[in-house]
Amino acid sequence: MKRLPLADPGTPDARSATRYLIWVARQQAGTMAAGVAFGVAWMVAQSLVPAVVGRAVDAITARDPAVLGRWTGVLAVLGLVQAVAGVMRHRFALTNFLAAGYRTVQVTARQAVRLGAALPERVATGEVVSIGTSDIGHIGNALDITARGAGAVVAIVVVATILLTANPRLGLVVVIGVPLLVSVVGLLLRPLHHRQQAYRELSGELTNQATDIVAGLRVLRGVGGEAAFAGRYRSGSQHLRTAGVRVARVESWLEAAQILLPGIFVALVTWLGARFALAGAITAGQLVAFYGYAVFLVFPLRTLTEATGKLTRGHVSARRVVRILSLRPDVEDPVEPVRPPATGVLDDPDSGVVIRPGLVTAIAAADPVDAVAIADRLGRYAPDSNARLSGVALRDMTVAAVRERILVAGSDGRLFGGRLRDELGGSGDALYAASAEDVVEALPEGLDTVVETKGREFSGGQQQRLRLARALLADPPILVLVEPTSAVDAHTEARIAARLALARAGRTTVVCTTSPLLLDRADHVVYVEAGRVVAEGTHADLLDREPRYAATVTRGEDT
């Protein structure tokens, strides 16, 4: 059986929801084929039982023990086939269910990583969460049901053949009646499809709203906005409940149709069979067989309507997955990437910033937005970046190659939930350089403490120091830090400023900041106004000869 999660989920076909479901099925073609084969064997074995029982009844009527014994043996074999095929069918169907769910989660997570910062700008968090909580189940069910659905189709064909052979008129009733029943039930699937789609969209929006409320709960309490947001969430919940009731109303009609219509069909086939038996057109055994088939057909018919419903839900869920998979990242690999240099001078022609290797270079911008834009270009996060490493344009390298050489640690990074050691490792040097030892020492189990998502139990300054330690632990050839000490006190900032240069000795470090403590420790300072370099030198030198720089880094206190 498959080992999950999959080592390589493959490259999905995201052209449409239908193509995605077909792609998933093809990726697990072996288990899909096995599930269908056992499903057909399981259902066909059941479909032959009424015919065998009818033959046994005719043998009893003819008082022929030998024939009766033979058909009894056939019935026992069919029971054995049903038992074995049923177990194997369920086993492979469950494998298909789980594999489809895992595959969907893996390709979605991989796409989320690929999109990076572009993901939250284009897709609501709730929509991504819904894929992992509900959509994977519907996609799994769509593949699971194929085993029983295929068996139901083959069983109906077998039954129709037997009935047409025994009595053409009664067989025609089955051949015409089955598609008619499926078509009538199918009329309910279109409105169900639309209402499920609306329900899923509302559910995703509400989940996203709940995530935002939880993330900003402290702020809401601080400004007294809890009641207002609770009211909005309550209103959204009622809209979702109404949409859910609308979906349930159609589903209830569908469930009723799955019972009522096959029941009427069974009654019709039984009544016609009894009339033919009274007229002598069929034997007593055939009448028993026809009645058995009328009862048996309820099962494959319900299976077909169930399969249609699950395939519809799977299609709705696959549409959400495809919507995310079809998004393109802001920055993509070139068609013919060049081999990147190991290290060297990093420069940004758009601003005139030049980062020399092995030094700590600080970028002080009159407008902090300019510093962030430069950091994005230096790390190739901006699609229009013209930045170069040793004269080679970053846009001519693969994104992975750039990420291996240049790490940009922004001020809006998030801590992951789980054991802190999994994120920060066991190195104390990075914690020391980020002045975060006291944060870890205060935890009940140190680095083995399990923290909440986004590190909600930490203050803003503590989160910032832990994020800095994480960036230092990565130890990239070029590290770009954006406002790494904006949320810490002056004493802690002074310690970080003193330790950062030592921790990054011999490697290239860029710090985007206007903190005098950090600027004073930098080897080289670049001052930027209106997106362009207007002065550079040491911090002390720029303070003496550039009044605008002095006003920026001292917040205008001396002017």
Protein backbone atom coordinates (compact mmCIF):
# COMPACT_ATOMS: atom_id res chain seq x y z
CA MET A 1 0.00 0.00 0.00
CA LYS A 2 1.03 3.65 -0.38
CA ARG A 3 3.23 5.40 2.18
CA LEU A 4 1.76 8.76 3.12
CA PRO A 5 2.60 11.59 2.84
CA LEU A 6 3.92 11.11 -0.67
CA ALA A 7 7.62 11.71 -1.39
CA ASP A 8 6.68 13.58 -4.57
CA PRO A 9 3.03 14.57 -5.14
CA GLY A 10 3.76 15.43 -8.80
CA THR A 11 2.93 18.48 -10.92
CA PRO A 12 -0.85 19.05 -10.93
CA ASP A 13 -2.97 19.87 -13.96
CA ALA A 14 -4.59 23.11 -12.84
CA ARG A 15 -6.34 24.03 -16.09
CA SER A 16 -9.75 23.15 -14.65
CA ALA A 17 -11.36 21.32 -11.75
CA THR A 18 -12.19 18.33 -13.97
CA ARG A 19 -8.62 18.09 -15.24
CA TYR A 20 -7.32 18.27 -11.69
CA LEU A 21 -9.50 15.36 -10.56
CA ILE A 22 -8.42 13.35 -13.61
CA TRP A 23 -4.78 14.17 -12.81
CA VAL A 24 -5.16 12.96 -9.23
CA ALA A 25 -6.78 9.74 -10.46
CA ARG A 26 -3.96 9.15 -12.98
CA GLN A 27 -1.32 9.69 -10.31
CA GLN A 28 -2.74 6.76 -8.35
CA ALA A 29 -3.86 4.73 -11.35
CA GLY A 30 -2.73 1.42 -9.86
CA THR A 31 -4.82 1.61 -6.72
CA MET A 32 -7.70 3.20 -8.66
CA ALA A 33 -7.73 0.28 -11.11
CA ALA A 34 -7.52 -2.24 -8.28
CA GLY A 35 -10.38 -0.53 -6.44
CA VAL A 36 -12.53 -0.54 -9.57
CA ALA A 37 -11.72 -4.21 -10.32
CA PHE A 38 -12.62 -5.36 -6.83
CA GLY A 39 -15.66 -3.07 -6.81
CA VAL A 40 -16.92 -4.65 -10.04
CA ALA A 41 -16.27 -8.18 -8.76
CA TRP A 42 -18.01 -7.38 -5.49
CA MET A 43 -21.10 -5.86 -7.12
CA VAL A 44 -21.37 -8.40 -9.96
CA ALA A 45 -21.21 -11.26 -7.46
CA GLN A 46 -24.20 -9.71 -5.69
CA SER A 47 -26.04 -9.16 -8.97
CA LEU A 48 -25.82 -12.87 -9.82
CA VAL A 49 -27.32 -14.02 -6.51
CA PRO A 50 -31.03 -13.53 -7.50
CA ALA A 51 -30.49 -15.54 -10.72
CA VAL A 52 -28.82 -18.37 -8.78
CA VAL A 53 -31.59 -18.35 -6.15
CA GLY A 54 -34.19 -18.45 -8.94
CA ARG A 55 -32.48 -21.49 -10.48
CA ALA A 56 -32.43 -23.16 -7.06
CA VAL A 57 -36.16 -22.48 -6.66
CA ASP A 58 -36.84 -24.05 -10.06
CA ALA A 59 -34.76 -27.07 -8.97
CA ILE A 60 -36.91 -27.40 -5.85
CA THR A 61 -40.06 -27.15 -7.98
CA ALA A 62 -38.69 -29.87 -10.29
CA ARG A 63 -37.58 -31.98 -7.24
CA ASP A 64 -34.03 -32.29 -8.61
CA PRO A 65 -31.56 -32.56 -5.65
CA ALA A 66 -28.48 -32.70 -7.92
CA VAL A 67 -29.32 -29.41 -9.64
CA LEU A 68 -30.26 -27.88 -6.28
CA GLY A 69 -26.89 -28.91 -4.82
CA ARG A 70 -25.03 -27.47 -7.79
CA TRP A 71 -26.70 -24.06 -7.53
CA THR A 72 -26.26 -24.07 -3.77
CA GLY A 73 -22.52 -24.52 -4.35
CA VAL A 74 -22.52 -21.65 -6.85
CA LEU A 75 -24.29 -19.50 -4.26
CA ALA A 76 -21.60 -20.32 -1.68
CA VAL A 77 -18.85 -19.36 -4.16
CA LEU A 78 -20.59 -16.05 -4.88
CA GLY A 79 -20.75 -15.37 -1.14
CA LEU A 80 -17.03 -16.02 -0.81
CA VAL A 81 -16.24 -13.74 -3.77
CA GLN A 82 -18.41 -11.01 -2.24
CA ALA A 83 -16.59 -11.26 1.10
CA VAL A 84 -13.06 -11.17 -0.35
CA ALA A 85 -13.80 -8.57 -3.04
CA GLY A 86 -15.70 -6.40 -0.55
CA VAL A 87 -12.78 -6.28 1.87
CA MET A 88 -10.24 -5.53 -0.88
CA ARG A 89 -12.53 -2.99 -2.53
CA HIS A 90 -12.85 -1.10 0.75
CA ARG A 91 -9.10 -1.29 1.37
CA PHE A 92 -8.19 0.19 -2.03
CA ALA A 93 -11.01 2.75 -1.88
CA LEU A 94 -9.72 4.00 1.47
CA THR A 95 -6.19 4.16 0.05
CA ASN A 96 -7.48 6.26 -2.84
CA PHE A 97 -9.34 8.53 -0.42
CA LEU A 98 -6.29 9.15 1.76
CA ALA A 99 -3.82 9.45 -1.13
CA ALA A 100 -6.02 12.04 -2.90
CA GLY A 101 -6.35 14.06 0.31
CA TYR A 102 -2.62 13.97 1.08
CA ARG A 103 -1.73 14.79 -2.52
CA THR A 104 -4.06 17.78 -2.52
CA VAL A 105 -2.67 19.11 0.76
CA GLN A 106 0.91 18.65 -0.44
CA VAL A 107 0.48 20.41 -3.80
CA THR A 108 -1.48 23.22 -2.12
CA ALA A 109 1.16 23.67 0.59
CA ARG A 110 3.90 23.62 -2.04
CA GLN A 111 2.07 26.26 -4.04
CA ALA A 112 1.62 28.38 -0.90
CA VAL A 113 5.37 28.27 -0.31
CA ARG A 114 6.00 29.07 -3.98
CA LEU A 115 3.68 32.09 -3.87
CA GLY A 116 5.22 33.31 -0.62
CA ALA A 117 4.21 36.84 0.26
CA ALA A 118 1.92 37.01 -2.78
CA LEU A 119 -0.47 34.41 -1.31
CA PRO A 120 -2.17 36.51 1.41
CA GLU A 121 -2.51 39.36 -1.07
CA ARG A 122 -4.54 37.25 -3.50
CA VAL A 123 -6.30 34.55 -1.46
CA ALA A 124 -8.08 34.83 1.87
CA THR A 125 -6.58 32.76 4.68
CA GLY A 126 -9.93 31.07 5.26
CA GLU A 127 -10.00 29.77 1.70
CA VAL A 128 -6.64 28.07 2.15
CA VAL A 129 -7.70 26.66 5.53
CA SER A 130 -10.91 25.28 4.02
CA ILE A 131 -8.90 23.14 1.60
CA GLY A 132 -7.20 21.35 4.49
CA THR A 133 -10.33 21.03 6.61
CA SER A 134 -13.14 20.11 4.21
CA ASP A 135 -12.15 20.11 0.53
CA ILE A 136 -9.64 17.28 0.83
CA GLY A 137 -12.43 15.08 2.18
CA HIS A 138 -14.70 15.83 -0.78
CA ILE A 139 -11.90 15.25 -3.29
CA GLY A 140 -11.03 11.98 -1.53
CA ASN A 141 -14.68 10.90 -1.63
CA ALA A 142 -14.83 11.64 -5.36
CA LEU A 143 -12.06 9.08 -5.94
CA ASP A 144 -13.28 6.68 -3.26
CA ILE A 145 -16.72 6.33 -4.84
CA THR A 146 -15.32 5.29 -8.23
CA ALA A 147 -14.86 1.70 -7.01
CA ARG A 148 -18.51 1.28 -6.00
CA GLY A 149 -19.74 3.49 -8.83
CA ALA A 150 -18.03 1.36 -11.49
CA GLY A 151 -19.36 -1.77 -9.83
CA ALA A 152 -22.88 -0.33 -9.85
CA VAL A 153 -22.72 0.46 -13.58
CA VAL A 154 -21.47 -3.04 -14.48
CA ALA A 155 -24.01 -4.67 -12.15
CA ILE A 156 -26.88 -2.79 -13.79
CA VAL A 157 -25.64 -3.90 -17.23
CA VAL A 158 -25.43 -7.53 -16.04
CA VAL A 159 -28.92 -7.39 -14.53
CA ALA A 160 -30.37 -5.77 -17.65
CA THR A 161 -28.77 -8.50 -19.82
CA ILE A 162 -30.20 -11.25 -17.64
CA LEU A 163 -33.65 -9.68 -17.64
CA LEU A 164 -33.63 -9.05 -21.41
CA THR A 165 -32.67 -12.69 -21.96
CA ALA A 166 -35.35 -14.02 -19.62
CA ASN A 167 -38.13 -11.64 -20.70
CA PRO A 168 -37.43 -8.86 -23.24
CA ARG A 169 -40.38 -6.72 -22.18
CA LEU A 170 -39.45 -6.81 -18.51
CA GLY A 171 -35.83 -6.27 -19.41
CA LEU A 172 -36.72 -3.16 -21.40
CA VAL A 173 -38.47 -1.74 -18.33
CA VAL A 174 -35.17 -2.00 -16.46
CA VAL A 175 -33.03 -0.73 -19.35
CA ILE A 176 -35.23 2.34 -19.83
CA GLY A 177 -36.15 2.85 -16.19
CA VAL A 178 -32.61 3.02 -14.78
CA PRO A 179 -31.36 5.95 -16.94
CA LEU A 180 -34.68 7.71 -16.39
CA LEU A 181 -34.30 7.48 -12.62
CA VAL A 182 -30.73 8.73 -12.75
CA SER A 183 -31.80 11.67 -14.96
CA VAL A 184 -34.58 12.68 -12.59
CA VAL A 185 -32.20 12.62 -9.63
CA GLY A 186 -29.67 14.56 -11.71
CA LEU A 187 -32.10 17.49 -11.94
CA LEU A 188 -31.44 18.15 -8.26
CA LEU A 189 -27.67 18.14 -8.65
CA ARG A 190 -27.36 21.43 -10.53
CA PRO A 191 -28.94 23.59 -7.80
CA LEU A 192 -27.02 21.56 -5.22
CA HIS A 193 -23.77 22.34 -7.07
CA HIS A 194 -24.43 26.11 -7.02
CA ARG A 195 -25.57 26.21 -3.40
CA GLN A 196 -22.56 24.19 -2.25
CA GLN A 197 -20.27 26.60 -4.08
CA ALA A 198 -21.90 29.60 -2.38
CA TYR A 199 -21.70 27.85 1.00
CA ARG A 200 -17.99 27.10 0.57
CA GLU A 201 -17.22 30.71 -0.34
CA LEU A 202 -19.08 32.02 2.70
CA SER A 203 -17.37 29.44 4.90
CA GLY A 204 -13.95 30.54 3.65
CA GLU A 205 -14.76 34.22 4.27
CA LEU A 206 -15.98 33.49 7.80
CA THR A 207 -12.91 31.38 8.59
CA ASN A 208 -10.71 34.21 7.37
CA GLN A 209 -12.61 36.68 9.53
CA ALA A 210 -12.22 34.44 12.58
CA THR A 211 -8.48 34.14 11.91
CA ASP A 212 -8.14 37.93 11.73
CA ILE A 213 -10.09 38.38 14.97
CA VAL A 214 -7.93 35.89 16.85
CA ALA A 215 -4.72 37.38 15.48
CA GLY A 216 -5.72 40.90 16.46
CA LEU A 217 -7.55 40.13 19.70
CA ARG A 218 -5.15 42.15 21.84
CA VAL A 219 -5.52 45.18 19.60
CA LEU A 220 -9.32 44.84 19.57
CA ARG A 221 -9.41 44.75 23.35
CA GLY A 222 -7.13 47.74 23.51
CA VAL A 223 -9.39 49.90 21.32
CA GLY A 224 -12.66 48.42 22.59
CA GLY A 225 -13.60 46.90 19.25
CA GLU A 226 -14.49 43.41 20.47
CA ALA A 227 -18.25 44.00 20.39
CA ALA A 228 -18.21 45.42 16.86
CA PHE A 229 -16.19 42.54 15.43
CA ALA A 230 -18.24 39.99 17.39
CA GLY A 231 -21.36 41.47 15.82
CA ARG A 232 -19.86 41.20 12.34
CA TYR A 233 -18.85 37.60 13.00
CA ARG A 234 -22.32 36.79 14.36
CA SER A 235 -23.94 38.28 11.26
CA GLY A 236 -21.59 36.28 9.01
CA SER A 237 -22.40 33.11 10.95
CA GLN A 238 -26.10 33.62 10.35
CA HIS A 239 -25.51 34.10 6.61
CA LEU A 240 -23.47 30.89 6.59
CA ARG A 241 -26.19 29.06 8.54
CA THR A 242 -28.82 30.21 6.03
CA ALA A 243 -26.63 29.03 3.14
CA GLY A 244 -26.13 25.70 4.93
CA VAL A 245 -29.88 25.26 5.35
CA ARG A 246 -30.34 25.92 1.62
CA VAL A 247 -27.78 23.23 0.82
CA ALA A 248 -29.40 20.83 3.29
CA ARG A 249 -32.83 21.45 1.76
CA VAL A 250 -31.64 20.31 -1.68
CA GLU A 251 -29.73 17.40 -0.13
CA SER A 252 -32.88 16.28 1.72
CA TRP A 253 -34.80 16.24 -1.56
CA LEU A 254 -31.95 14.28 -3.10
CA GLU A 255 -31.97 11.73 -0.26
CA ALA A 256 -35.74 11.39 -0.53
CA ALA A 257 -35.52 10.88 -4.30
CA GLN A 258 -32.86 8.20 -3.80
CA ILE A 259 -35.31 6.21 -1.67
CA LEU A 260 -38.68 7.01 -3.22
CA LEU A 261 -37.89 6.64 -6.92
CA PRO A 262 -36.07 3.29 -6.65
CA GLY A 263 -38.86 2.08 -4.37
CA ILE A 264 -41.47 2.90 -7.00
CA PHE A 265 -39.31 1.21 -9.60
CA VAL A 266 -39.06 -1.95 -7.47
CA ALA A 267 -42.83 -2.04 -7.04
CA LEU A 268 -43.32 -1.67 -10.81
CA VAL A 269 -40.88 -4.48 -11.68
CA THR A 270 -42.41 -6.77 -9.04
CA TRP A 271 -45.96 -6.11 -10.27
CA LEU A 272 -45.00 -6.75 -13.90
CA GLY A 273 -43.10 -9.91 -12.94
CA ALA A 274 -46.09 -11.26 -11.01
CA ARG A 275 -48.38 -10.70 -14.01
CA PHE A 276 -45.95 -12.52 -16.32
CA ALA A 277 -45.72 -15.41 -13.85
CA LEU A 278 -49.51 -15.72 -13.65
CA ALA A 279 -49.66 -15.72 -17.43
CA GLY A 280 -47.07 -18.51 -17.56
CA ALA A 281 -44.52 -16.35 -19.39
CA ILE A 282 -41.91 -16.93 -16.66
CA THR A 283 -41.33 -19.68 -14.09
CA ALA A 284 -41.68 -19.40 -10.34
CA GLY A 285 -37.90 -19.30 -10.02
CA GLN A 286 -37.70 -16.46 -12.55
CA LEU A 287 -40.37 -14.55 -10.61
CA VAL A 288 -38.26 -14.90 -7.46
CA ALA A 289 -35.23 -13.77 -9.47
CA PHE A 290 -37.11 -10.76 -10.89
CA TYR A 291 -38.26 -9.76 -7.42
CA GLY A 292 -34.71 -10.17 -6.12
CA TYR A 293 -33.41 -8.01 -8.93
CA ALA A 294 -36.03 -5.37 -8.26
CA VAL A 295 -34.89 -5.20 -4.65
CA PHE A 296 -31.19 -5.47 -5.55
CA LEU A 297 -31.36 -2.64 -8.11
CA VAL A 298 -32.14 -0.18 -5.32
CA PHE A 299 -28.55 -0.57 -4.13
CA PRO A 300 -26.67 0.15 -7.39
CA LEU A 301 -29.13 2.93 -8.23
CA ARG A 302 -28.53 4.62 -4.89
CA THR A 303 -24.82 4.08 -5.39
CA LEU A 304 -24.99 5.88 -8.73
CA THR A 305 -26.86 8.85 -7.25
CA GLU A 306 -24.40 8.88 -4.33
CA ALA A 307 -21.52 8.80 -6.79
CA THR A 308 -23.01 11.69 -8.73
CA GLY A 309 -23.38 13.73 -5.54
CA LYS A 310 -19.84 13.01 -4.35
CA LEU A 311 -18.36 13.77 -7.75
CA THR A 312 -20.25 17.08 -7.74
CA ARG A 313 -18.93 17.99 -4.29
CA GLY A 314 -15.46 16.89 -5.34
CA HIS A 315 -15.67 19.11 -8.41
CA VAL A 316 -16.67 22.11 -6.28
CA SER A 317 -13.74 21.49 -3.94
CA ALA A 318 -11.33 20.89 -6.83
CA ARG A 319 -12.34 24.27 -8.24
CA ARG A 320 -11.11 25.94 -5.05
CA VAL A 321 -7.84 24.03 -5.23
CA VAL A 322 -7.36 24.93 -8.90
CA ARG A 323 -8.00 28.58 -8.09
CA ILE A 324 -4.95 28.57 -5.81
CA LEU A 325 -2.82 26.34 -8.02
CA SER A 326 -3.40 28.59 -11.03
CA LEU A 327 -1.97 31.66 -9.26
CA ARG A 328 1.43 32.79 -10.45
CA PRO A 329 4.09 34.08 -8.05
CA ASP A 330 5.31 37.63 -8.36
CA VAL A 331 8.78 36.33 -9.26
CA GLU A 332 9.35 33.29 -11.49
CA ASP A 333 12.37 31.42 -12.81
CA PRO A 334 13.79 32.54 -16.18
CA VAL A 335 13.42 30.28 -19.18
CA GLU A 336 17.17 29.78 -19.42
CA PRO A 337 18.69 30.50 -15.98
CA VAL A 338 22.38 31.30 -15.68
CA ARG A 339 24.78 29.72 -13.22
CA PRO A 340 24.90 32.07 -10.22
CA PRO A 341 28.16 33.25 -8.67
CA ALA A 342 28.96 32.04 -5.16
CA THR A 343 29.31 35.55 -3.74
CA GLY A 344 30.57 39.00 -4.67
CA VAL A 345 29.37 42.60 -4.84
CA LEU A 346 25.59 42.96 -4.59
CA ASP A 347 24.20 46.14 -6.14
CA ASP A 348 20.88 47.75 -6.98
CA PRO A 349 21.18 50.01 -10.05
CA ASP A 350 17.74 51.54 -9.45
CA SER A 351 18.87 53.13 -6.18
CA GLY A 352 22.64 53.13 -6.59
CA VAL A 353 23.15 50.99 -3.48
CA VAL A 354 26.34 48.87 -3.62
CA ILE A 355 26.93 46.18 -1.01
CA ARG A 356 30.55 45.11 -0.70
CA PRO A 357 31.21 41.53 0.44
CA GLY A 358 32.24 40.75 4.00
CA LEU A 359 31.01 44.05 5.48
CA VAL A 360 28.05 45.22 7.53
CA THR A 361 26.31 47.81 5.36
CA ALA A 362 23.46 49.90 6.73
CA ILE A 363 20.82 51.52 4.52
CA ALA A 364 19.23 54.58 6.15
CA ALA A 365 16.32 56.00 4.15
CA ALA A 366 14.49 59.26 4.74
CA ASP A 367 11.33 57.31 3.83
CA PRO A 368 11.34 53.75 5.31
CA VAL A 369 9.31 52.57 2.32
CA ASP A 370 12.34 53.18 0.09
CA ALA A 371 14.51 50.94 2.28
CA VAL A 372 11.94 48.14 2.11
CA ALA A 373 11.76 48.48 -1.69
CA ILE A 374 15.56 48.25 -1.95
CA ALA A 375 15.61 45.16 0.30
CA ASP A 376 12.94 43.54 -1.91
CA ARG A 377 15.02 44.20 -5.01
CA LEU A 378 18.23 42.95 -3.39
CA GLY A 379 16.48 39.71 -2.46
CA ARG A 380 14.64 39.44 -5.79
CA TYR A 381 11.20 39.70 -4.26
CA ALA A 382 10.27 42.55 -6.59
CA PRO A 383 9.32 41.40 -10.12
CA ASP A 384 11.03 44.45 -11.68
CA SER A 385 14.31 44.03 -9.77
CA ASN A 386 17.49 44.95 -11.64
CA ALA A 387 19.76 43.94 -8.74
CA ARG A 388 22.98 42.08 -9.59
CA LEU A 389 25.39 39.77 -7.81
CA SER A 390 28.95 40.01 -9.17
CA GLY A 391 27.49 41.67 -12.26
CA VAL A 392 24.99 38.85 -12.91
CA ALA A 393 21.35 39.98 -12.84
CA LEU A 394 19.34 38.21 -10.14
CA ARG A 395 16.42 37.90 -12.55
CA ASP A 396 18.59 35.64 -14.73
CA MET A 397 19.03 33.17 -11.85
CA THR A 398 16.51 30.70 -10.49
CA VAL A 399 14.58 31.86 -7.43
CA ALA A 400 15.98 28.90 -5.46
CA ALA A 401 19.55 29.92 -6.32
CA VAL A 402 18.93 33.47 -5.15
CA ARG A 403 17.31 32.24 -1.91
CA GLU A 404 20.35 30.04 -1.21
CA ARG A 405 22.63 33.07 -1.38
CA ILE A 406 20.49 35.95 -0.16
CA LEU A 407 18.11 35.86 2.82
CA VAL A 408 15.82 38.82 3.44
CA ALA A 409 14.41 38.89 7.00
CA GLY A 410 11.57 41.40 6.99
CA SER A 411 9.99 43.08 9.99
CA ASP A 412 6.67 41.33 9.37
CA GLY A 413 7.93 37.74 9.62
CA ARG A 414 5.96 35.26 11.70
CA LEU A 415 6.96 32.56 14.15
CA PHE A 416 5.57 29.09 13.50
CA GLY A 417 3.55 27.18 16.05
CA GLY A 418 5.04 24.05 17.61
CA ARG A 419 8.23 23.21 19.47
CA LEU A 420 10.54 26.23 19.49
CA ARG A 421 13.61 24.04 19.01
CA ASP A 422 12.28 22.94 15.60
CA GLU A 423 12.48 26.56 14.46
CA LEU A 424 15.58 27.81 16.26
CA GLY A 425 17.63 24.63 16.49
CA GLY A 426 19.98 24.07 19.41
CA SER A 427 22.60 26.75 18.72
CA GLY A 428 23.00 29.28 21.51
CA ASP A 429 25.21 31.59 19.40
CA ALA A 430 22.29 32.89 17.35
CA LEU A 431 20.20 33.45 20.49
CA TYR A 432 23.09 35.31 22.09
CA ALA A 433 23.64 37.52 19.04
CA ALA A 434 19.92 38.36 18.95
CA SER A 435 19.93 38.95 22.75
CA ALA A 436 17.13 36.37 23.04
CA GLU A 437 18.62 34.05 25.68
CA ASP A 438 16.40 35.52 28.41
CA VAL A 439 13.29 34.87 26.28
CA VAL A 440 14.11 31.16 26.01
CA GLU A 441 15.25 30.86 29.64
CA ALA A 442 11.90 32.21 30.83
CA LEU A 443 10.00 29.44 29.04
CA PRO A 444 8.97 26.43 31.18
CA GLU A 445 10.82 23.92 28.97
CA GLY A 446 13.27 26.20 27.21
CA LEU A 447 13.64 25.45 23.51
CA ASP A 448 11.44 22.36 23.94
CA THR A 449 8.46 24.55 24.83
CA VAL A 450 5.56 24.34 22.39
CA VAL A 451 4.56 27.86 21.34
CA GLU A 452 1.39 29.11 19.71
CA THR A 453 1.08 30.02 16.06
CA LYS A 454 2.70 33.41 15.35
CA GLY A 455 4.25 33.28 18.85
CA ARG A 456 1.25 35.03 20.41
CA GLU A 457 2.53 34.44 23.95
CA PHE A 458 5.55 36.66 23.26
CA SER A 459 5.65 40.45 23.24
CA GLY A 460 6.46 42.30 20.04
CA GLY A 461 10.07 42.79 21.08
CA GLN A 462 10.49 39.15 22.08
CA GLN A 463 9.07 37.98 18.76
CA GLN A 464 11.45 40.30 16.92
CA ARG A 465 14.49 38.93 18.76
CA LEU A 466 13.45 35.32 18.11
CA ARG A 467 12.95 36.10 14.42
CA LEU A 468 16.41 37.68 14.30
CA ALA A 469 17.89 34.57 15.93
CA ARG A 470 16.18 32.43 13.30
CA ALA A 471 17.68 34.54 10.50
CA LEU A 472 21.16 34.38 12.04
CA LEU A 473 20.88 30.64 12.53
CA ALA A 474 20.27 30.22 8.78
CA ASP A 475 23.74 31.77 8.26
CA PRO A 476 23.29 32.79 4.58
CA PRO A 477 26.18 34.24 2.55
CA ILE A 478 24.23 37.52 2.32
CA LEU A 479 21.75 38.52 5.03
CA VAL A 480 19.40 41.48 4.56
CA LEU A 481 17.70 42.64 7.78
CA VAL A 482 14.79 45.10 7.66
CA GLU A 483 14.31 47.10 10.90
CA PRO A 484 15.50 44.18 13.10
CA THR A 485 15.31 46.17 16.37
CA SER A 486 12.32 48.47 15.91
CA ALA A 487 10.34 46.85 18.77
CA VAL A 488 13.08 46.42 21.39
CA ASP A 489 14.25 48.80 24.12
CA ALA A 490 17.45 50.82 23.84
CA HIS A 491 19.53 48.61 26.14
CA THR A 492 18.60 45.45 24.22
CA GLU A 493 19.19 47.25 20.93
CA ALA A 494 22.69 48.24 22.07
CA ARG A 495 23.52 44.62 22.88
CA ILE A 496 22.23 43.43 19.49
CA ALA A 497 24.20 46.13 17.69
CA ALA A 498 27.41 45.06 19.43
CA ARG A 499 26.88 41.35 18.87
CA LEU A 500 25.54 41.39 15.31
CA ALA A 501 28.82 42.37 13.65
CA LEU A 502 30.68 39.65 15.55
CA ALA A 503 28.09 37.02 14.66
CA ARG A 504 28.32 37.93 10.96
CA ALA A 505 32.08 38.45 10.78
CA GLY A 506 33.43 37.74 7.30
CA ARG A 507 29.98 37.53 5.71
CA THR A 508 27.91 40.14 3.93
CA THR A 509 25.20 41.79 6.03
CA VAL A 510 22.75 44.55 5.08
CA VAL A 511 20.70 46.32 7.75
CA CYS A 512 17.88 48.62 6.72
CA THR A 513 17.47 50.93 9.72
CA THR A 514 17.61 54.48 11.05
CA SER A 515 18.69 53.39 14.54
CA PRO A 516 21.84 55.32 15.57
CA LEU A 517 22.97 52.33 17.66
CA LEU A 518 22.98 49.99 14.64
CA LEU A 519 24.29 52.62 12.25
CA ASP A 520 27.23 53.36 14.52
CA ARG A 521 28.28 49.68 14.43
CA ALA A 522 28.02 49.37 10.63
CA ASP A 523 31.16 49.30 8.48
CA HIS A 524 29.48 51.41 5.81
CA VAL A 525 26.30 53.51 5.79
CA VAL A 526 24.27 54.45 2.71
CA TYR A 527 21.79 57.33 2.98
CA VAL A 528 18.80 57.23 0.60
CA GLU A 529 16.36 59.99 -0.32
CA ALA A 530 13.55 59.66 -2.89
CA GLY A 531 14.74 56.14 -3.66
CA ARG A 532 18.31 57.15 -4.61
CA VAL A 533 21.63 57.15 -2.76
CA VAL A 534 22.58 60.74 -1.90
CA ALA A 535 25.42 60.12 0.55
CA GLU A 536 27.51 57.31 2.01
CA GLY A 537 30.31 56.78 4.49
CA THR A 538 30.53 55.97 8.18
CA HIS A 539 27.81 56.98 10.63
CA ALA A 540 30.04 59.56 12.34
CA ASP A 541 31.15 61.00 9.01
CA LEU A 542 27.59 61.40 7.72
CA LEU A 543 26.47 63.03 10.94
CA ASP A 544 29.12 65.69 10.46
CA ARG A 545 28.64 66.48 6.80
CA GLU A 546 25.03 65.55 5.90
CA PRO A 547 22.36 67.51 7.87
CA ARG A 548 19.50 65.62 6.24
CA TYR A 549 21.00 62.32 7.34
CA ALA A 550 21.43 63.66 10.88
CA ALA A 551 17.81 64.81 10.93
CA THR A 552 16.63 61.38 9.75
CA VAL A 553 18.56 59.25 12.22
CA THR A 554 18.01 61.58 15.19
CA ARG A 555 14.28 61.98 14.37
CA GLY A 556 14.88 65.71 13.95
CA GLU A 557 15.73 66.19 17.62
CA ASP A 558 18.83 68.28 16.87
CA THR A 559 17.33 70.36 14.12
